[in-house]
Amino acid sequence: MEEKPIGKITHYYGKIGVAIVKFNREVKVGERVHFKGPHTDFTQQLSSMQYNHQDIESAKKGQEVGIKVEQKVREGDEVYEA
């Protein structure tokens, strides 16, 4: 079964380890996601999300949110349901 992307990395802040992700469906804190790109391939649980520097429990479709990531990601990497 082929994975369908649920979001895309639009920016990465390396010093603080935060990725900005634009999701194309609703995503909730606690879900497991798979980050994949030419140099990226890891899975993690979403422990927190922020929108406008405020903690949120879920991201709406089309919303760009900040996510703390465990490894480096790059702009253009895709996010899949894990």
Protein backbone atom coordinates (compact mmCIF):
# COMPACT_ATOMS: atom_id res chain seq x y z
CA MET A 1 0.00 0.00 0.00
CA GLU A 2 1.46 3.33 -1.04
CA GLU A 3 1.61 6.10 1.52
CA LYS A 4 -0.16 9.35 0.72
CA PRO A 5 1.46 12.57 1.92
CA ILE A 6 -0.52 14.43 4.58
CA GLY A 7 1.77 17.46 4.65
CA LYS A 8 4.94 19.15 3.47
CA ILE A 9 7.84 20.87 5.25
CA THR A 10 7.86 24.56 4.33
CA HIS A 11 10.64 25.67 6.69
CA TYR A 12 13.09 24.24 9.23
CA TYR A 13 14.66 26.04 12.19
CA GLY A 14 17.80 24.02 12.86
CA LYS A 15 18.88 25.74 16.08
CA ILE A 16 15.61 24.92 17.86
CA GLY A 17 14.74 21.73 15.93
CA VAL A 18 11.34 22.96 14.75
CA ALA A 19 9.76 22.21 11.39
CA ILE A 20 6.98 24.27 9.85
CA VAL A 21 4.56 21.87 8.19
CA LYS A 22 1.59 22.65 5.94
CA PHE A 23 -0.92 19.84 6.39
CA ASN A 24 -3.51 18.85 3.78
CA ARG A 25 -5.79 17.21 6.34
CA GLU A 26 -6.53 17.60 10.06
CA VAL A 27 -3.71 16.23 12.24
CA LYS A 28 -3.81 15.85 16.02
CA VAL A 29 -1.13 15.81 18.73
CA GLY A 30 -0.29 12.17 19.53
CA GLU A 31 -0.44 10.93 15.93
CA ARG A 32 2.60 9.14 14.52
CA VAL A 33 4.01 10.65 11.34
CA HIS A 34 6.73 9.65 8.90
CA PHE A 35 9.08 12.35 7.55
CA LYS A 36 10.52 11.41 4.16
CA GLY A 37 12.73 13.16 1.64
CA PRO A 38 15.97 12.62 -0.32
CA HIS A 39 18.02 12.82 2.91
CA THR A 40 15.28 12.31 5.51
CA ASP A 41 13.53 9.15 6.66
CA PHE A 42 12.25 8.78 10.22
CA THR A 43 9.05 8.33 12.19
CA GLN A 44 8.01 10.11 15.36
CA GLN A 45 4.97 10.88 17.47
CA LEU A 46 3.71 14.46 17.41
CA SER A 47 4.29 15.59 20.98
CA SER A 48 3.31 19.23 20.46
CA MET A 49 2.19 21.67 17.79
CA GLN A 50 2.12 25.44 17.74
CA TYR A 51 0.26 27.98 15.64
CA ASN A 52 1.17 31.67 16.06
CA HIS A 53 3.35 30.66 19.05
CA GLN A 54 0.34 29.13 20.86
CA ASP A 55 0.09 25.42 21.71
CA ILE A 56 -2.70 23.68 19.79
CA GLU A 57 -4.13 20.15 19.97
CA SER A 58 -4.85 19.77 16.25
CA ALA A 59 -3.92 21.40 12.96
CA LYS A 60 -6.65 22.13 10.43
CA LYS A 61 -6.37 21.29 6.74
CA GLY A 62 -4.21 23.92 5.01
CA GLN A 63 -2.81 25.29 8.27
CA GLU A 64 0.94 25.78 8.70
CA VAL A 65 2.09 24.74 12.17
CA GLY A 66 5.36 24.39 14.04
CA ILE A 67 6.36 20.89 15.20
CA LYS A 68 9.31 19.91 17.37
CA VAL A 69 11.21 17.27 15.36
CA GLU A 70 13.66 14.66 16.65
CA GLN A 71 15.90 14.78 13.59
CA LYS A 72 16.82 17.29 10.89
CA VAL A 73 14.28 17.79 8.12
CA ARG A 74 14.53 19.88 4.97
CA GLU A 75 12.20 22.17 3.07
CA GLY A 76 10.19 20.12 0.58
CA ASP A 77 10.33 16.90 2.63
CA GLU A 78 6.93 15.22 2.81
CA VAL A 79 5.04 14.08 5.88
CA TYR A 80 3.09 10.81 5.83
CA GLU A 81 0.76 9.02 8.21
CA ALA A 82 2.79 6.38 10.07
